[in-house]
Amino acid sequence: MNKQHFTRITFVFVLMMVACTATFNWREVRVDDQGFTALFPAKTTFEQQIIRFQNVDLTMTMAAAMAEDSLFAVGTMPFDKKLLNGETLIGWMQSNTAKLIQSQIPPQNITFEIKTAGTPATFIPAQGFNLTGLGPDGYYRIYWVRWMVRTDEIGKSRIYQLSALKPFKTEPSEAAQKEAIEQFETFMRGFKPD
């Protein structure tokens, strides 16, 4: 699968989710087979896509929820560290994501740490973008995305991608942006990998 196809799949998934929306009703969701716990604002749905990277087929499972036209999703992609470098794969995903939003300001990489769900909890490095601008359909979007590589205690390696997206017909007011960002922050803080 090439970069353009990956970008189109991501965009189509977002559009499909926009069709079904609910109000915010935050709940903790445990997804054992994907190795995480997350806070979602509504009932979650699941979808899988095959992504081809460096001649390797990878399965990304997306757990997602819509609330008030905002999309919140956690993508999980297991990979074999003997075949692929996780940071290289994240770099490829970042390059594709940066193309989804047209903005005068180039994406700035944000680095931080995510607390794991285990006891005792540990912290793993993560990175991401906070994007604002026009999407391919001409709608203004606020789009936050985060990536991290996690190898659990049994040696299974996964890339996690957290996405929060809110579309607007025109550039939103400061109050509307602030409201969306508060919901994004709630979602991002609620994610804990195993």
C-alpha atoms as a PDB file:
ATOM      1  CA  MET A   1       0.000   0.000   0.000  1.00  0.00           C
ATOM      2  CA  ASN A   2       1.492   3.329  -0.976  1.00  0.00           C
ATOM      3  CA  LYS A   3       1.405   6.585   0.977  1.00  0.00           C
ATOM      4  CA  GLN A   4      -1.493   8.048  -0.999  1.00  0.00           C
ATOM      5  CA  HIS A   5      -3.604   4.938  -0.445  1.00  0.00           C
ATOM      6  CA  PHE A   6      -2.862   4.993   3.307  1.00  0.00           C
ATOM      7  CA  THR A   7      -3.856   8.677   3.440  1.00  0.00           C
ATOM      8  CA  ARG A   8      -7.105   7.967   1.549  1.00  0.00           C
ATOM      9  CA  ILE A   9      -8.002   5.056   3.849  1.00  0.00           C
ATOM     10  CA  THR A  10      -7.495   7.247   6.907  1.00  0.00           C
ATOM     11  CA  PHE A  11      -9.609  10.029   5.402  1.00  0.00           C
ATOM     12  CA  VAL A  12     -12.433   7.653   4.328  1.00  0.00           C
ATOM     13  CA  PHE A  13     -12.517   6.130   7.814  1.00  0.00           C
ATOM     14  CA  VAL A  14     -12.889   9.628   9.292  1.00  0.00           C
ATOM     15  CA  LEU A  15     -15.739  10.464   6.891  1.00  0.00           C
ATOM     16  CA  MET A  16     -17.548   7.211   7.686  1.00  0.00           C
ATOM     17  CA  MET A  17     -17.389   7.981  11.376  1.00  0.00           C
ATOM     18  CA  VAL A  18     -18.775  11.511  10.908  1.00  0.00           C
ATOM     19  CA  ALA A  19     -22.047  10.013   9.647  1.00  0.00           C
ATOM     20  CA  CYS A  20     -22.828   8.605  13.120  1.00  0.00           C
ATOM     21  CA  THR A  21     -22.566  11.011  16.013  1.00  0.00           C
ATOM     22  CA  ALA A  22     -23.619  11.101  19.667  1.00  0.00           C
ATOM     23  CA  THR A  23     -23.194  13.435  22.612  1.00  0.00           C
ATOM     24  CA  PHE A  24     -20.220  13.183  24.960  1.00  0.00           C
ATOM     25  CA  ASN A  25     -20.641  10.360  27.481  1.00  0.00           C
ATOM     26  CA  TRP A  26     -17.083   9.421  28.483  1.00  0.00           C
ATOM     27  CA  ARG A  27     -16.403   5.786  29.362  1.00  0.00           C
ATOM     28  CA  GLU A  28     -13.290   3.704  29.923  1.00  0.00           C
ATOM     29  CA  VAL A  29     -12.843   0.962  27.318  1.00  0.00           C
ATOM     30  CA  ARG A  30     -10.447  -1.948  27.809  1.00  0.00           C
ATOM     31  CA  VAL A  31      -9.267  -3.606  24.575  1.00  0.00           C
ATOM     32  CA  ASP A  32      -7.300  -6.650  25.748  1.00  0.00           C
ATOM     33  CA  ASP A  33      -6.313  -8.017  22.335  1.00  0.00           C
ATOM     34  CA  GLN A  34      -4.868  -4.629  21.339  1.00  0.00           C
ATOM     35  CA  GLY A  35      -3.140  -4.034  24.690  1.00  0.00           C
ATOM     36  CA  PHE A  36      -4.655  -0.762  25.900  1.00  0.00           C
ATOM     37  CA  THR A  37      -7.264   1.023  27.970  1.00  0.00           C
ATOM     38  CA  ALA A  38      -8.720   4.283  26.674  1.00  0.00           C
ATOM     39  CA  LEU A  39     -11.340   6.863  27.481  1.00  0.00           C
ATOM     40  CA  PHE A  40     -13.897   7.230  24.657  1.00  0.00           C
ATOM     41  CA  PRO A  41     -16.783   9.742  24.482  1.00  0.00           C
ATOM     42  CA  ALA A  42     -19.347   7.274  23.055  1.00  0.00           C
ATOM     43  CA  LYS A  43     -19.802   3.641  22.010  1.00  0.00           C
ATOM     44  CA  THR A  44     -16.774   2.350  20.106  1.00  0.00           C
ATOM     45  CA  THR A  45     -16.680   0.635  16.743  1.00  0.00           C
ATOM     46  CA  PHE A  46     -13.811  -1.421  15.335  1.00  0.00           C
ATOM     47  CA  GLU A  47     -12.349  -1.714  11.858  1.00  0.00           C
ATOM     48  CA  GLN A  48      -9.214  -3.305  10.406  1.00  0.00           C
ATOM     49  CA  GLN A  49      -7.109  -2.286   7.412  1.00  0.00           C
ATOM     50  CA  ILE A  50      -4.035  -3.872   5.868  1.00  0.00           C
ATOM     51  CA  ILE A  51      -1.170  -1.417   5.395  1.00  0.00           C
ATOM     52  CA  ARG A  52       1.865  -2.288   3.292  1.00  0.00           C
ATOM     53  CA  PHE A  53       5.142  -0.812   4.455  1.00  0.00           C
ATOM     54  CA  GLN A  54       8.570  -1.860   3.094  1.00  0.00           C
ATOM     55  CA  ASN A  55       6.997  -4.959   1.476  1.00  0.00           C
ATOM     56  CA  VAL A  56       5.476  -6.078   4.789  1.00  0.00           C
ATOM     57  CA  ASP A  57       1.694  -6.303   5.303  1.00  0.00           C
ATOM     58  CA  LEU A  58       0.651  -4.860   8.655  1.00  0.00           C
ATOM     59  CA  THR A  59      -2.826  -4.982  10.184  1.00  0.00           C
ATOM     60  CA  MET A  60      -4.045  -1.790  11.827  1.00  0.00           C
ATOM     61  CA  THR A  61      -7.064  -2.179  14.086  1.00  0.00           C
ATOM     62  CA  MET A  62      -8.945   1.041  14.781  1.00  0.00           C
ATOM     63  CA  ALA A  63     -11.184   1.495  17.832  1.00  0.00           C
ATOM     64  CA  ALA A  64     -13.164   4.689  17.318  1.00  0.00           C
ATOM     65  CA  ALA A  65     -16.065   6.732  18.641  1.00  0.00           C
ATOM     66  CA  MET A  66     -17.920   9.822  17.435  1.00  0.00           C
ATOM     67  CA  ALA A  67     -19.425  12.525  19.629  1.00  0.00           C
ATOM     68  CA  GLU A  68     -20.841  15.831  18.402  1.00  0.00           C
ATOM     69  CA  ASP A  69     -19.104  15.476  15.013  1.00  0.00           C
ATOM     70  CA  SER A  70     -15.720  14.808  16.651  1.00  0.00           C
ATOM     71  CA  LEU A  71     -13.835  11.586  15.939  1.00  0.00           C
ATOM     72  CA  PHE A  72     -11.692   9.871  18.571  1.00  0.00           C
ATOM     73  CA  ALA A  73      -9.699   6.800  17.509  1.00  0.00           C
ATOM     74  CA  VAL A  74      -6.926   4.512  18.695  1.00  0.00           C
ATOM     75  CA  GLY A  75      -5.134   2.562  15.995  1.00  0.00           C
ATOM     76  CA  THR A  76      -3.028  -0.427  16.988  1.00  0.00           C
ATOM     77  CA  MET A  77      -0.513  -2.005  14.632  1.00  0.00           C
ATOM     78  CA  PRO A  78       1.557  -4.997  15.800  1.00  0.00           C
ATOM     79  CA  PHE A  79       4.903  -5.389  14.046  1.00  0.00           C
ATOM     80  CA  ASP A  80       7.967  -7.610  14.157  1.00  0.00           C
ATOM     81  CA  LYS A  81      11.005  -5.656  15.391  1.00  0.00           C
ATOM     82  CA  LYS A  82      13.246  -8.073  13.496  1.00  0.00           C
ATOM     83  CA  LEU A  83      11.682  -6.939  10.196  1.00  0.00           C
ATOM     84  CA  LEU A  84      10.813  -3.278  10.814  1.00  0.00           C
ATOM     85  CA  ASN A  85      12.044  -0.314  12.785  1.00  0.00           C
ATOM     86  CA  GLY A  86       9.142   1.238  14.724  1.00  0.00           C
ATOM     87  CA  GLU A  87      10.530   4.774  14.543  1.00  0.00           C
ATOM     88  CA  THR A  88      10.914   4.516  10.758  1.00  0.00           C
ATOM     89  CA  LEU A  89       7.319   3.323  10.487  1.00  0.00           C
ATOM     90  CA  ILE A  90       6.132   6.233  12.653  1.00  0.00           C
ATOM     91  CA  GLY A  91       8.088   8.651  10.446  1.00  0.00           C
ATOM     92  CA  TRP A  92       6.237   7.299   7.407  1.00  0.00           C
ATOM     93  CA  MET A  93       2.887   7.677   9.201  1.00  0.00           C
ATOM     94  CA  GLN A  94       3.767  11.254  10.199  1.00  0.00           C
ATOM     95  CA  SER A  95       4.621  12.134   6.605  1.00  0.00           C
ATOM     96  CA  ASN A  96       1.233  10.850   5.418  1.00  0.00           C
ATOM     97  CA  THR A  97      -0.679  12.556   8.216  1.00  0.00           C
ATOM     98  CA  ALA A  98       0.925  15.935   7.539  1.00  0.00           C
ATOM     99  CA  LYS A  99      -0.636  15.825   4.045  1.00  0.00           C
ATOM    100  CA  LEU A 100      -4.201  15.579   5.401  1.00  0.00           C
ATOM    101  CA  ILE A 101      -4.369  19.209   6.560  1.00  0.00           C
ATOM    102  CA  GLN A 102      -3.499  22.223   4.405  1.00  0.00           C
ATOM    103  CA  SER A 103      -1.990  24.927   6.578  1.00  0.00           C
ATOM    104  CA  GLN A 104       0.371  27.865   6.277  1.00  0.00           C
ATOM    105  CA  ILE A 105       2.246  26.507   9.314  1.00  0.00           C
ATOM    106  CA  PRO A 106       4.217  23.275   8.802  1.00  0.00           C
ATOM    107  CA  PRO A 107       3.539  20.539  11.399  1.00  0.00           C
ATOM    108  CA  GLN A 108       5.658  20.795  14.528  1.00  0.00           C
ATOM    109  CA  ASN A 109       6.549  17.501  16.211  1.00  0.00           C
ATOM    110  CA  ILE A 110       5.504  17.381  19.880  1.00  0.00           C
ATOM    111  CA  THR A 111       7.299  14.973  22.224  1.00  0.00           C
ATOM    112  CA  PHE A 112       6.020  13.798  25.616  1.00  0.00           C
ATOM    113  CA  GLU A 113       5.550  10.641  27.704  1.00  0.00           C
ATOM    114  CA  ILE A 114       2.569   8.302  28.136  1.00  0.00           C
ATOM    115  CA  LYS A 115       1.942   6.464  31.402  1.00  0.00           C
ATOM    116  CA  THR A 116       1.304   2.718  31.031  1.00  0.00           C
ATOM    117  CA  ALA A 117      -1.575   0.869  32.687  1.00  0.00           C
ATOM    118  CA  GLY A 118       0.667  -1.586  34.567  1.00  0.00           C
ATOM    119  CA  THR A 119       1.599  -1.634  38.231  1.00  0.00           C
ATOM    120  CA  PRO A 120       4.060  -0.183  38.721  1.00  0.00           C
ATOM    121  CA  ALA A 121       3.356   2.159  35.834  1.00  0.00           C
ATOM    122  CA  THR A 122       6.181   3.174  33.527  1.00  0.00           C
ATOM    123  CA  PHE A 123       6.453   6.013  31.053  1.00  0.00           C
ATOM    124  CA  ILE A 124       7.068   5.534  27.333  1.00  0.00           C
ATOM    125  CA  PRO A 125       8.108   8.236  24.840  1.00  0.00           C
ATOM    126  CA  ALA A 126       5.511   9.499  22.388  1.00  0.00           C
ATOM    127  CA  GLN A 127       5.303  12.128  19.675  1.00  0.00           C
ATOM    128  CA  GLY A 128       2.637  13.821  17.622  1.00  0.00           C
ATOM    129  CA  PHE A 129       1.130  16.770  15.801  1.00  0.00           C
ATOM    130  CA  ASN A 130      -1.529  19.358  16.651  1.00  0.00           C
ATOM    131  CA  LEU A 131      -2.787  20.314  13.198  1.00  0.00           C
ATOM    132  CA  THR A 132      -5.285  22.992  12.145  1.00  0.00           C
ATOM    133  CA  GLY A 133      -6.318  23.946   8.639  1.00  0.00           C
ATOM    134  CA  LEU A 134      -8.297  22.767   5.641  1.00  0.00           C
ATOM    135  CA  GLY A 135      -8.899  19.106   4.898  1.00  0.00           C
ATOM    136  CA  PRO A 136      -9.135  17.631   1.377  1.00  0.00           C
ATOM    137  CA  ASP A 137     -12.886  18.416   1.295  1.00  0.00           C
ATOM    138  CA  GLY A 138     -12.355  22.111   2.094  1.00  0.00           C
ATOM    139  CA  TYR A 139     -13.637  21.913   5.684  1.00  0.00           C
ATOM    140  CA  TYR A 140     -11.584  23.458   8.460  1.00  0.00           C
ATOM    141  CA  ARG A 141     -10.256  20.862  10.920  1.00  0.00           C
ATOM    142  CA  ILE A 142      -8.568  20.627  14.255  1.00  0.00           C
ATOM    143  CA  TYR A 143      -6.661  17.338  14.155  1.00  0.00           C
ATOM    144  CA  TRP A 144      -4.430  15.975  16.910  1.00  0.00           C
ATOM    145  CA  VAL A 145      -2.514  12.751  16.371  1.00  0.00           C
ATOM    146  CA  ARG A 146      -0.062  10.911  18.626  1.00  0.00           C
ATOM    147  CA  TRP A 147       2.221   7.928  17.998  1.00  0.00           C
ATOM    148  CA  MET A 148       4.194   5.628  20.246  1.00  0.00           C
ATOM    149  CA  VAL A 149       5.990   2.291  20.057  1.00  0.00           C
ATOM    150  CA  ARG A 150       5.393  -0.138  22.900  1.00  0.00           C
ATOM    151  CA  THR A 151       6.931  -3.560  23.477  1.00  0.00           C
ATOM    152  CA  ASP A 152       5.032  -5.274  26.287  1.00  0.00           C
ATOM    153  CA  GLU A 153       6.377  -7.640  28.930  1.00  0.00           C
ATOM    154  CA  ILE A 154       5.886 -10.694  26.684  1.00  0.00           C
ATOM    155  CA  GLY A 155       7.844  -9.058  23.841  1.00  0.00           C
ATOM    156  CA  LYS A 156       4.941  -8.055  21.541  1.00  0.00           C
ATOM    157  CA  SER A 157       5.682  -4.774  19.753  1.00  0.00           C
ATOM    158  CA  ARG A 158       2.916  -2.405  18.681  1.00  0.00           C
ATOM    159  CA  ILE A 159       2.598   1.071  17.275  1.00  0.00           C
ATOM    160  CA  TYR A 160      -0.286   3.043  18.710  1.00  0.00           C
ATOM    161  CA  GLN A 161      -1.826   5.984  16.876  1.00  0.00           C
ATOM    162  CA  LEU A 162      -4.244   8.230  18.778  1.00  0.00           C
ATOM    163  CA  SER A 163      -6.353  10.564  16.651  1.00  0.00           C
ATOM    164  CA  ALA A 164      -8.838  13.277  17.581  1.00  0.00           C
ATOM    165  CA  LEU A 165     -10.472  15.271  14.801  1.00  0.00           C
ATOM    166  CA  LYS A 166     -13.166  17.957  14.723  1.00  0.00           C
ATOM    167  CA  PRO A 167     -14.394  19.403  11.383  1.00  0.00           C
ATOM    168  CA  PHE A 168     -15.933  22.861  10.972  1.00  0.00           C
ATOM    169  CA  LYS A 169     -17.608  24.398   7.899  1.00  0.00           C
ATOM    170  CA  THR A 170     -15.575  27.584   8.437  1.00  0.00           C
ATOM    171  CA  GLU A 171     -12.717  28.565  10.715  1.00  0.00           C
ATOM    172  CA  PRO A 172     -14.113  28.155  14.255  1.00  0.00           C
ATOM    173  CA  SER A 173     -14.345  30.812  16.933  1.00  0.00           C
ATOM    174  CA  GLU A 174     -11.850  30.803  19.775  1.00  0.00           C
ATOM    175  CA  ALA A 175     -14.552  29.402  22.104  1.00  0.00           C
ATOM    176  CA  ALA A 176     -15.338  26.530  19.701  1.00  0.00           C
ATOM    177  CA  GLN A 177     -11.634  25.724  19.358  1.00  0.00           C
ATOM    178  CA  LYS A 178     -11.206  25.751  23.137  1.00  0.00           C
ATOM    179  CA  GLU A 179     -14.154  23.390  23.600  1.00  0.00           C
ATOM    180  CA  ALA A 180     -12.768  20.940  21.015  1.00  0.00           C
ATOM    181  CA  ILE A 181      -9.294  21.063  22.553  1.00  0.00           C
ATOM    182  CA  GLU A 182     -10.691  20.297  26.033  1.00  0.00           C
ATOM    183  CA  GLN A 183     -12.353  17.149  24.627  1.00  0.00           C
ATOM    184  CA  PHE A 184      -9.144  16.190  22.793  1.00  0.00           C
ATOM    185  CA  GLU A 185      -7.126  16.557  26.000  1.00  0.00           C
ATOM    186  CA  THR A 186      -9.594  14.341  27.909  1.00  0.00           C
ATOM    187  CA  PHE A 187      -9.238  11.645  25.256  1.00  0.00           C
ATOM    188  CA  MET A 188      -5.432  11.836  25.065  1.00  0.00           C
ATOM    189  CA  ARG A 189      -5.025  11.721  28.874  1.00  0.00           C
ATOM    190  CA  GLY A 190      -7.298   8.677  29.082  1.00  0.00           C
ATOM    191  CA  PHE A 191      -5.096   6.423  26.917  1.00  0.00           C
ATOM    192  CA  LYS A 192      -2.921   3.842  28.694  1.00  0.00           C
ATOM    193  CA  PRO A 193      -1.066   1.043  26.889  1.00  0.00           C
ATOM    194  CA  ASP A 194      -0.317  -2.186  28.774  1.00  0.00           C
END
